[in-house]
Structures are given as structure tokens and as C-alpha cells.
């Protein structure tokens, strides 16, 4: 077998990527992985301070932007070959107490923004006959948990959007897939520990073991670099026929 099909080291020289939520966690790891493979990467985040460290990586340009400002998305680069929709936030609350404006914000950031970014990026991908859309979903794109109405709704919507992109883009050389990790060791998850402790009425130290790891067989948090490695595979030649899929990295959560 020739090394062109080596999934461990795709050559992305000459490709341009845009990664959202790139200042920390999964987005930062994906940004670094794509840049290491030779891609030019636009790292997008509202966290200007966090972007400074990422933008110090060769081949990475930091762009400060609030993706919930849907009208401002038109200012982001469109001539990209790889789009990684990763940005997200969380809010933990019973539905009857869930702030309506917070629900709307999460749907804008995690569903409407990915649609708009795909909408303005596909013409370039189609013109070149090649493109990769990697949607960082979640096990919550396939399963639900209490107190997470907006997050679960947004991730389920992202799953459907990804499949439509796959069907429309496949004949034109563009694939679209979702990554579905369980809880990943990121700042977003660290913040959830306090929120979950409050909602479930348990001490902070019990949240990881009793709530986050309860449904999984692999009793540990997923590491951001694991998710980045799978994203990198989806951008390489060995994944050319992988399209419209949801890749669970959930430690066995969905095996129930």
C-alpha cells in the first residue's frame, strides 16, 4: 500500500482550513493538528487572549469573532477547503427555568452559525472539487440528558444538517461528518462540573464519577487530542468515502 493512504499523516499542504472555537479545548487541538499536517488554518474564537497562543503556531492565523453575531459571519474567510464547526457553550437548567434568550443564543451559535459558514464556504469547495466539513457534535447529538435542552437540541440539529451537506456535497467532492465524543477534558466541561453539582445536589468531586462517567464503559474523560486525531483522519485521503457518518468517541455510552 502506498503512503498516500496512510491515515496517520495526511498531507494537507495547499489546503486552507477554518476552525471555530479554536482558542482552547478541542478547537485548539484540531487547529494544531491541521497546521502540523501542512494546512493554513484560520483559528476563530471570541477569546482574543486565548487565540494569541494558538496563533503563535506556524501556519495559524487568529481571527477574533463572536459567532453568535450571525450577521458578522460574512466577514470570515470563504475560500476554505476544510471547515471545522466546533464552537459551543453549555447551560444546565430545567426546561421550566431555562432562560429563553439563552436557548436562542445556543441555537444561534451551535446550529445557525454552522449552517451559515457552510452556506458561504461550499461554493469554493465545489469549485475546487474537494472539501471537508467536520462537525464537532457530541454524544448528546445521539442521546439526551436532563437539564440540557438547548445543547441537546442544537447537537441533534447539527447531526441532521451534516447529513444533508453529505448528500448534496458528496457528488461534488465534499464530505461532511460528525464527531461524537462523550465528556472531553475542556474548559467547557470543567465549568459544567459546578453546574451539574448544583442541579443534581451532589458534591463537585462526585460529578465526574457519578454523572459524567456513569453511562460509559471507559471510565475516563476523552482527551482533546483524541478528537483532533479523528478530525485529521476525516481530512485525509483514507476517508474519501466516509460521508454522512457520526463517529462516536463515547466510551460505550451509545452501546446501551
C-alpha atoms as a PDB file:
ATOM      1  CA  UNK A   1       0.000   0.000   0.000  1.00  0.00           C
ATOM      2  CA  UNK A   2       1.338   3.453  -0.863  1.00  0.00           C
ATOM      3  CA  UNK A   3       1.795   6.107   1.785  1.00  0.00           C
ATOM      4  CA  UNK A   4      -0.844   8.274   0.079  1.00  0.00           C
ATOM      5  CA  UNK A   5      -3.399   6.229   2.000  1.00  0.00           C
ATOM      6  CA  UNK A   6      -1.597   6.485   5.316  1.00  0.00           C
ATOM      7  CA  UNK A   7      -4.334   7.835   7.621  1.00  0.00           C
ATOM      8  CA  UNK A   8      -1.836   8.761  10.317  1.00  0.00           C
ATOM      9  CA  UNK A   9      -0.106  11.503   8.324  1.00  0.00           C
ATOM     10  CA  UNK A  10      -2.330  13.212   5.747  1.00  0.00           C
ATOM     11  CA  UNK A  11      -0.580  15.849   3.679  1.00  0.00           C
ATOM     12  CA  UNK A  12      -2.706  18.993   3.796  1.00  0.00           C
ATOM     13  CA  UNK A  13      -0.212  21.356   2.198  1.00  0.00           C
ATOM     14  CA  UNK A  14      -2.058  23.720  -0.106  1.00  0.00           C
ATOM     15  CA  UNK A  15      -5.312  23.363   1.842  1.00  0.00           C
ATOM     16  CA  UNK A  16      -6.915  26.126   3.885  1.00  0.00           C
ATOM     17  CA  UNK A  17      -8.995  25.404   6.973  1.00  0.00           C
ATOM     18  CA  UNK A  18     -11.260  27.381   9.267  1.00  0.00           C
ATOM     19  CA  UNK A  19     -11.770  26.123  12.823  1.00  0.00           C
ATOM     20  CA  UNK A  20     -14.281  27.713  15.196  1.00  0.00           C
ATOM     21  CA  UNK A  21     -13.884  27.710  18.949  1.00  0.00           C
ATOM     22  CA  UNK A  22     -10.160  27.448  18.321  1.00  0.00           C
ATOM     23  CA  UNK A  23      -8.744  29.171  21.399  1.00  0.00           C
ATOM     24  CA  UNK A  24      -8.925  26.161  23.719  1.00  0.00           C
ATOM     25  CA  UNK A  25     -10.025  22.560  24.139  1.00  0.00           C
ATOM     26  CA  UNK A  26     -10.986  20.554  21.069  1.00  0.00           C
ATOM     27  CA  UNK A  27     -10.724  23.529  18.713  1.00  0.00           C
ATOM     28  CA  UNK A  28      -7.176  24.309  19.782  1.00  0.00           C
ATOM     29  CA  UNK A  29      -6.110  20.672  19.363  1.00  0.00           C
ATOM     30  CA  UNK A  30      -7.724  20.435  15.920  1.00  0.00           C
ATOM     31  CA  UNK A  31      -6.104  23.696  14.844  1.00  0.00           C
ATOM     32  CA  UNK A  32      -2.654  22.498  15.847  1.00  0.00           C
ATOM     33  CA  UNK A  33      -3.181  19.103  14.187  1.00  0.00           C
ATOM     34  CA  UNK A  34      -4.278  20.613  10.875  1.00  0.00           C
ATOM     35  CA  UNK A  35      -1.397  23.086  10.895  1.00  0.00           C
ATOM     36  CA  UNK A  36       1.084  20.299  11.652  1.00  0.00           C
ATOM     37  CA  UNK A  37      -0.263  18.460   8.588  1.00  0.00           C
ATOM     38  CA  UNK A  38       0.561  21.469   6.435  1.00  0.00           C
ATOM     39  CA  UNK A  39      -2.760  23.301   6.228  1.00  0.00           C
ATOM     40  CA  UNK A  40      -3.110  27.040   6.550  1.00  0.00           C
ATOM     41  CA  UNK A  41      -5.596  27.495   9.398  1.00  0.00           C
ATOM     42  CA  UNK A  42      -7.911  30.384  10.262  1.00  0.00           C
ATOM     43  CA  UNK A  43      -8.455  29.975  14.019  1.00  0.00           C
ATOM     44  CA  UNK A  44     -11.698  31.705  15.016  1.00  0.00           C
ATOM     45  CA  UNK A  45     -12.782  32.461  18.575  1.00  0.00           C
ATOM     46  CA  UNK A  46     -14.166  35.330  20.628  1.00  0.00           C
ATOM     47  CA  UNK A  47     -11.388  34.794  23.202  1.00  0.00           C
ATOM     48  CA  UNK A  48      -8.670  37.139  21.970  1.00  0.00           C
ATOM     49  CA  UNK A  49      -6.248  36.234  24.749  1.00  0.00           C
ATOM     50  CA  UNK A  50      -6.634  32.508  24.130  1.00  0.00           C
ATOM     51  CA  UNK A  51      -6.097  32.969  20.408  1.00  0.00           C
ATOM     52  CA  UNK A  52      -2.721  34.620  20.917  1.00  0.00           C
ATOM     53  CA  UNK A  53      -1.075  31.375  21.989  1.00  0.00           C
ATOM     54  CA  UNK A  54      -2.702  29.370  19.193  1.00  0.00           C
ATOM     55  CA  UNK A  55      -1.838  31.958  16.570  1.00  0.00           C
ATOM     56  CA  UNK A  56       1.802  31.538  17.519  1.00  0.00           C
ATOM     57  CA  UNK A  57       1.732  28.168  15.753  1.00  0.00           C
ATOM     58  CA  UNK A  58       3.207  28.178  12.260  1.00  0.00           C
ATOM     59  CA  UNK A  59       0.502  28.376   9.613  1.00  0.00           C
ATOM     60  CA  UNK A  60      -2.205  29.624  12.006  1.00  0.00           C
ATOM     61  CA  UNK A  61      -3.952  32.993  11.766  1.00  0.00           C
ATOM     62  CA  UNK A  62      -6.128  34.063  14.687  1.00  0.00           C
ATOM     63  CA  UNK A  63      -9.436  35.789  13.952  1.00  0.00           C
ATOM     64  CA  UNK A  64     -11.414  37.267  16.842  1.00  0.00           C
ATOM     65  CA  UNK A  65     -15.139  36.876  16.159  1.00  0.00           C
ATOM     66  CA  UNK A  66     -18.342  36.222  18.079  1.00  0.00           C
ATOM     67  CA  UNK A  67     -20.110  33.508  16.084  1.00  0.00           C
ATOM     68  CA  UNK A  68     -23.426  34.221  17.762  1.00  0.00           C
ATOM     69  CA  UNK A  69     -23.415  37.525  15.833  1.00  0.00           C
ATOM     70  CA  UNK A  70     -24.795  35.853  12.729  1.00  0.00           C
ATOM     71  CA  UNK A  71     -24.632  38.962  10.589  1.00  0.00           C
ATOM     72  CA  UNK A  72     -20.886  39.276  11.143  1.00  0.00           C
ATOM     73  CA  UNK A  73     -20.131  35.795   9.805  1.00  0.00           C
ATOM     74  CA  UNK A  74     -19.974  37.151   6.267  1.00  0.00           C
ATOM     75  CA  UNK A  75     -16.692  38.839   7.228  1.00  0.00           C
ATOM     76  CA  UNK A  76     -14.970  35.490   7.803  1.00  0.00           C
ATOM     77  CA  UNK A  77     -12.856  33.859   5.054  1.00  0.00           C
ATOM     78  CA  UNK A  78     -14.846  31.908   2.468  1.00  0.00           C
ATOM     79  CA  UNK A  79     -12.076  30.441   0.325  1.00  0.00           C
ATOM     80  CA  UNK A  80     -11.564  27.464   2.618  1.00  0.00           C
ATOM     81  CA  UNK A  81     -11.238  23.763   1.865  1.00  0.00           C
ATOM     82  CA  UNK A  82     -11.808  22.445   5.392  1.00  0.00           C
ATOM     83  CA  UNK A  83     -14.438  23.741   7.806  1.00  0.00           C
ATOM     84  CA  UNK A  84     -14.466  22.522  11.402  1.00  0.00           C
ATOM     85  CA  UNK A  85     -17.610  23.621  13.243  1.00  0.00           C
ATOM     86  CA  UNK A  86     -16.604  23.328  16.883  1.00  0.00           C
ATOM     87  CA  UNK A  87     -17.608  26.433  18.832  1.00  0.00           C
ATOM     88  CA  UNK A  88     -20.103  25.812  21.594  1.00  0.00           C
ATOM     89  CA  UNK A  89     -21.351  26.755  25.035  1.00  0.00           C
ATOM     90  CA  UNK A  90     -23.460  24.995  27.624  1.00  0.00           C
ATOM     91  CA  UNK A  91     -26.253  25.918  30.010  1.00  0.00           C
ATOM     92  CA  UNK A  92     -27.586  23.499  32.598  1.00  0.00           C
ATOM     93  CA  UNK A  93     -31.122  24.149  33.803  1.00  0.00           C
ATOM     94  CA  UNK A  94     -34.571  22.520  33.963  1.00  0.00           C
ATOM     95  CA  UNK A  95     -36.720  23.493  31.000  1.00  0.00           C
ATOM     96  CA  UNK A  96     -39.184  25.491  33.067  1.00  0.00           C
ATOM     97  CA  UNK A  97     -36.324  27.635  34.388  1.00  0.00           C
ATOM     98  CA  UNK A  98     -34.284  27.730  31.177  1.00  0.00           C
ATOM     99  CA  UNK A  99     -33.789  31.359  30.060  1.00  0.00           C
ATOM    100  CA  UNK A 100     -35.388  31.737  26.636  1.00  0.00           C
ATOM    101  CA  UNK A 101     -32.689  34.129  25.466  1.00  0.00           C
ATOM    102  CA  UNK A 102     -30.023  31.608  26.470  1.00  0.00           C
ATOM    103  CA  UNK A 103     -31.778  28.890  24.463  1.00  0.00           C
ATOM    104  CA  UNK A 104     -31.848  31.164  21.417  1.00  0.00           C
ATOM    105  CA  UNK A 105     -28.171  32.062  21.856  1.00  0.00           C
ATOM    106  CA  UNK A 106     -27.075  28.418  21.968  1.00  0.00           C
ATOM    107  CA  UNK A 107     -29.101  27.547  18.865  1.00  0.00           C
ATOM    108  CA  UNK A 108     -27.639  30.535  17.016  1.00  0.00           C
ATOM    109  CA  UNK A 109     -24.069  29.672  17.978  1.00  0.00           C
ATOM    110  CA  UNK A 110     -24.207  25.902  17.560  1.00  0.00           C
ATOM    111  CA  UNK A 111     -26.643  25.398  14.671  1.00  0.00           C
ATOM    112  CA  UNK A 112     -27.395  28.601  12.776  1.00  0.00           C
ATOM    113  CA  UNK A 113     -23.731  29.656  12.654  1.00  0.00           C
ATOM    114  CA  UNK A 114     -22.518  26.291  11.275  1.00  0.00           C
ATOM    115  CA  UNK A 115     -25.210  26.465   8.593  1.00  0.00           C
ATOM    116  CA  UNK A 116     -24.166  29.963   7.577  1.00  0.00           C
ATOM    117  CA  UNK A 117     -20.477  29.049   7.494  1.00  0.00           C
ATOM    118  CA  UNK A 118     -21.213  26.022   5.323  1.00  0.00           C
ATOM    119  CA  UNK A 119     -23.508  28.117   3.139  1.00  0.00           C
ATOM    120  CA  UNK A 120     -20.754  30.613   2.345  1.00  0.00           C
ATOM    121  CA  UNK A 121     -17.925  28.061   2.093  1.00  0.00           C
ATOM    122  CA  UNK A 122     -19.456  25.451  -0.211  1.00  0.00           C
ATOM    123  CA  UNK A 123     -19.102  27.457  -3.446  1.00  0.00           C
ATOM    124  CA  UNK A 124     -15.307  27.483  -3.053  1.00  0.00           C
ATOM    125  CA  UNK A 125     -15.222  23.784  -2.172  1.00  0.00           C
ATOM    126  CA  UNK A 126     -17.454  22.907  -5.122  1.00  0.00           C
ATOM    127  CA  UNK A 127     -15.320  24.986  -7.482  1.00  0.00           C
ATOM    128  CA  UNK A 128     -12.239  23.038  -6.421  1.00  0.00           C
ATOM    129  CA  UNK A 129     -13.964  19.665  -6.430  1.00  0.00           C
ATOM    130  CA  UNK A 130     -12.797  18.948  -2.873  1.00  0.00           C
ATOM    131  CA  UNK A 131     -13.879  19.881   0.631  1.00  0.00           C
ATOM    132  CA  UNK A 132     -14.215  18.565   4.150  1.00  0.00           C
ATOM    133  CA  UNK A 133     -16.823  19.641   6.692  1.00  0.00           C
ATOM    134  CA  UNK A 134     -16.131  18.275  10.168  1.00  0.00           C
ATOM    135  CA  UNK A 135     -18.870  18.988  12.680  1.00  0.00           C
ATOM    136  CA  UNK A 136     -17.886  18.568  16.310  1.00  0.00           C
ATOM    137  CA  UNK A 137     -21.127  17.213  17.671  1.00  0.00           C
ATOM    138  CA  UNK A 138     -21.385  15.189  20.877  1.00  0.00           C
ATOM    139  CA  UNK A 139     -22.816  12.034  22.319  1.00  0.00           C
ATOM    140  CA  UNK A 140     -25.668  14.459  23.022  1.00  0.00           C
ATOM    141  CA  UNK A 141     -26.253  14.611  19.279  1.00  0.00           C
ATOM    142  CA  UNK A 142     -27.351  10.976  19.614  1.00  0.00           C
ATOM    143  CA  UNK A 143     -28.638  10.830  23.191  1.00  0.00           C
ATOM    144  CA  UNK A 144     -30.312  13.256  25.569  1.00  0.00           C
ATOM    145  CA  UNK A 145     -29.575  14.274  29.134  1.00  0.00           C
ATOM    146  CA  UNK A 146     -31.781  16.169  31.536  1.00  0.00           C
ATOM    147  CA  UNK A 147     -31.248  19.899  32.052  1.00  0.00           C
ATOM    148  CA  UNK A 148     -29.575  20.430  28.644  1.00  0.00           C
ATOM    149  CA  UNK A 149     -32.474  21.323  26.367  1.00  0.00           C
ATOM    150  CA  UNK A 150     -30.631  23.821  24.176  1.00  0.00           C
ATOM    151  CA  UNK A 151     -27.382  21.887  23.850  1.00  0.00           C
ATOM    152  CA  UNK A 152     -29.128  18.608  23.003  1.00  0.00           C
ATOM    153  CA  UNK A 153     -31.458  20.334  20.529  1.00  0.00           C
ATOM    154  CA  UNK A 154     -28.547  22.108  18.821  1.00  0.00           C
ATOM    155  CA  UNK A 155     -26.425  18.962  18.538  1.00  0.00           C
ATOM    156  CA  UNK A 156     -29.334  16.888  17.195  1.00  0.00           C
ATOM    157  CA  UNK A 157     -29.909  19.622  14.620  1.00  0.00           C
ATOM    158  CA  UNK A 158     -26.234  19.629  13.681  1.00  0.00           C
ATOM    159  CA  UNK A 159     -26.426  15.885  13.026  1.00  0.00           C
ATOM    160  CA  UNK A 160     -29.233  16.426  10.532  1.00  0.00           C
ATOM    161  CA  UNK A 161     -27.518  19.358   8.882  1.00  0.00           C
ATOM    162  CA  UNK A 162     -24.335  17.314   8.489  1.00  0.00           C
ATOM    163  CA  UNK A 163     -26.215  14.548   6.683  1.00  0.00           C
ATOM    164  CA  UNK A 164     -27.837  16.996   4.257  1.00  0.00           C
ATOM    165  CA  UNK A 165     -24.421  18.506   3.491  1.00  0.00           C
ATOM    166  CA  UNK A 166     -23.118  14.981   2.905  1.00  0.00           C
ATOM    167  CA  UNK A 167     -25.873  14.153   0.425  1.00  0.00           C
ATOM    168  CA  UNK A 168     -25.566  17.395  -1.504  1.00  0.00           C
ATOM    169  CA  UNK A 169     -21.786  17.678  -1.342  1.00  0.00           C
ATOM    170  CA  UNK A 170     -20.748  14.078  -1.949  1.00  0.00           C
ATOM    171  CA  UNK A 171     -21.165  14.150  -5.740  1.00  0.00           C
ATOM    172  CA  UNK A 172     -19.083  17.336  -5.821  1.00  0.00           C
ATOM    173  CA  UNK A 173     -16.151  16.056  -3.788  1.00  0.00           C
ATOM    174  CA  UNK A 174     -17.234  17.428  -0.413  1.00  0.00           C
ATOM    175  CA  UNK A 175     -17.774  15.177   2.596  1.00  0.00           C
ATOM    176  CA  UNK A 176     -19.458  16.015   5.887  1.00  0.00           C
ATOM    177  CA  UNK A 177     -19.228  14.029   9.113  1.00  0.00           C
ATOM    178  CA  UNK A 178     -19.838  14.437  12.821  1.00  0.00           C
ATOM    179  CA  UNK A 179     -17.567  13.671  15.748  1.00  0.00           C
ATOM    180  CA  UNK A 180     -19.490  12.486  18.785  1.00  0.00           C
ATOM    181  CA  UNK A 181     -17.356  12.430  21.921  1.00  0.00           C
ATOM    182  CA  UNK A 182     -18.594  11.950  25.439  1.00  0.00           C
ATOM    183  CA  UNK A 183     -17.286  14.402  28.029  1.00  0.00           C
ATOM    184  CA  UNK A 184     -13.948  15.840  26.880  1.00  0.00           C
ATOM    185  CA  UNK A 185     -11.397  17.400  29.221  1.00  0.00           C
ATOM    186  CA  UNK A 186     -12.030  21.006  28.162  1.00  0.00           C
ATOM    187  CA  UNK A 187     -12.825  24.329  29.892  1.00  0.00           C
ATOM    188  CA  UNK A 188     -16.470  23.839  28.858  1.00  0.00           C
ATOM    189  CA  UNK A 189     -16.672  20.554  30.753  1.00  0.00           C
ATOM    190  CA  UNK A 190     -14.806  21.938  33.760  1.00  0.00           C
ATOM    191  CA  UNK A 191     -17.471  24.625  34.078  1.00  0.00           C
ATOM    192  CA  UNK A 192     -20.214  22.021  33.827  1.00  0.00           C
ATOM    193  CA  UNK A 193     -18.957  20.235  36.908  1.00  0.00           C
ATOM    194  CA  UNK A 194     -20.145  23.068  39.144  1.00  0.00           C
ATOM    195  CA  UNK A 195     -23.432  23.397  37.250  1.00  0.00           C
ATOM    196  CA  UNK A 196     -24.118  19.661  37.405  1.00  0.00           C
ATOM    197  CA  UNK A 197     -23.303  19.582  41.125  1.00  0.00           C
ATOM    198  CA  UNK A 198     -25.898  22.262  41.717  1.00  0.00           C
ATOM    199  CA  UNK A 199     -28.637  20.640  39.616  1.00  0.00           C
ATOM    200  CA  UNK A 200     -28.095  17.115  40.934  1.00  0.00           C
ATOM    201  CA  UNK A 201     -27.477  18.163  44.534  1.00  0.00           C
ATOM    202  CA  UNK A 202     -24.159  16.345  44.896  1.00  0.00           C
ATOM    203  CA  UNK A 203     -20.626  17.463  45.798  1.00  0.00           C
ATOM    204  CA  UNK A 204     -18.374  18.650  42.978  1.00  0.00           C
ATOM    205  CA  UNK A 205     -15.995  15.723  43.375  1.00  0.00           C
ATOM    206  CA  UNK A 206     -18.798  13.250  42.700  1.00  0.00           C
ATOM    207  CA  UNK A 207     -19.950  14.805  39.428  1.00  0.00           C
ATOM    208  CA  UNK A 208     -17.343  13.203  37.155  1.00  0.00           C
ATOM    209  CA  UNK A 209     -17.753   9.721  38.584  1.00  0.00           C
ATOM    210  CA  UNK A 210     -21.491   9.700  39.337  1.00  0.00           C
ATOM    211  CA  UNK A 211     -22.818  11.761  36.421  1.00  0.00           C
ATOM    212  CA  UNK A 212     -20.326  12.214  33.596  1.00  0.00           C
ATOM    213  CA  UNK A 213     -18.783   8.736  33.606  1.00  0.00           C
ATOM    214  CA  UNK A 214     -21.848   6.802  34.761  1.00  0.00           C
ATOM    215  CA  UNK A 215     -23.067   5.818  31.253  1.00  0.00           C
ATOM    216  CA  UNK A 216     -19.649   4.951  29.797  1.00  0.00           C
ATOM    217  CA  UNK A 217     -17.615   1.757  29.969  1.00  0.00           C
ATOM    218  CA  UNK A 218     -14.263   3.530  29.608  1.00  0.00           C
ATOM    219  CA  UNK A 219     -14.095   5.376  32.914  1.00  0.00           C
ATOM    220  CA  UNK A 220     -12.195   8.497  31.947  1.00  0.00           C
ATOM    221  CA  UNK A 221     -12.729  11.794  30.175  1.00  0.00           C
ATOM    222  CA  UNK A 222     -11.863  11.964  26.476  1.00  0.00           C
ATOM    223  CA  UNK A 223      -8.744  13.997  25.707  1.00  0.00           C
ATOM    224  CA  UNK A 224      -8.903  16.834  23.128  1.00  0.00           C
ATOM    225  CA  UNK A 225      -6.013  15.367  21.135  1.00  0.00           C
ATOM    226  CA  UNK A 226      -8.026  12.163  20.589  1.00  0.00           C
ATOM    227  CA  UNK A 227     -10.801  14.157  18.949  1.00  0.00           C
ATOM    228  CA  UNK A 228      -8.269  16.093  16.884  1.00  0.00           C
ATOM    229  CA  UNK A 229      -6.726  12.865  15.593  1.00  0.00           C
ATOM    230  CA  UNK A 230     -10.099  11.693  14.317  1.00  0.00           C
ATOM    231  CA  UNK A 231     -10.799  15.080  12.734  1.00  0.00           C
ATOM    232  CA  UNK A 232      -7.439  14.870  10.968  1.00  0.00           C
ATOM    233  CA  UNK A 233      -8.290  11.410   9.629  1.00  0.00           C
ATOM    234  CA  UNK A 234     -11.527  12.792   8.156  1.00  0.00           C
ATOM    235  CA  UNK A 235      -9.489  15.378   6.242  1.00  0.00           C
ATOM    236  CA  UNK A 236      -7.098  12.821   4.759  1.00  0.00           C
ATOM    237  CA  UNK A 237      -7.214  10.577   1.679  1.00  0.00           C
ATOM    238  CA  UNK A 238      -8.167   7.410   3.577  1.00  0.00           C
ATOM    239  CA  UNK A 239     -11.559   8.920   4.434  1.00  0.00           C
ATOM    240  CA  UNK A 240     -12.593   9.878   0.894  1.00  0.00           C
ATOM    241  CA  UNK A 241     -15.635   7.583   1.028  1.00  0.00           C
ATOM    242  CA  UNK A 242     -16.556   8.389   4.626  1.00  0.00           C
ATOM    243  CA  UNK A 243     -19.561  10.685   4.371  1.00  0.00           C
ATOM    244  CA  UNK A 244     -22.648  11.460   6.412  1.00  0.00           C
ATOM    245  CA  UNK A 245     -21.372   9.480   9.391  1.00  0.00           C
ATOM    246  CA  UNK A 246     -21.394  10.044  13.149  1.00  0.00           C
ATOM    247  CA  UNK A 247     -18.189   8.887  14.835  1.00  0.00           C
ATOM    248  CA  UNK A 248     -18.829   8.017  18.455  1.00  0.00           C
ATOM    249  CA  UNK A 249     -15.947   8.523  20.889  1.00  0.00           C
ATOM    250  CA  UNK A 250     -18.154   7.926  23.869  1.00  0.00           C
ATOM    251  CA  UNK A 251     -16.512   5.124  25.810  1.00  0.00           C
ATOM    252  CA  UNK A 252     -19.506   2.892  25.113  1.00  0.00           C
ATOM    253  CA  UNK A 253     -22.292   5.318  26.099  1.00  0.00           C
ATOM    254  CA  UNK A 254     -24.389   4.610  22.996  1.00  0.00           C
ATOM    255  CA  UNK A 255     -23.767   0.859  23.287  1.00  0.00           C
ATOM    256  CA  UNK A 256     -26.561   0.686  25.892  1.00  0.00           C
END
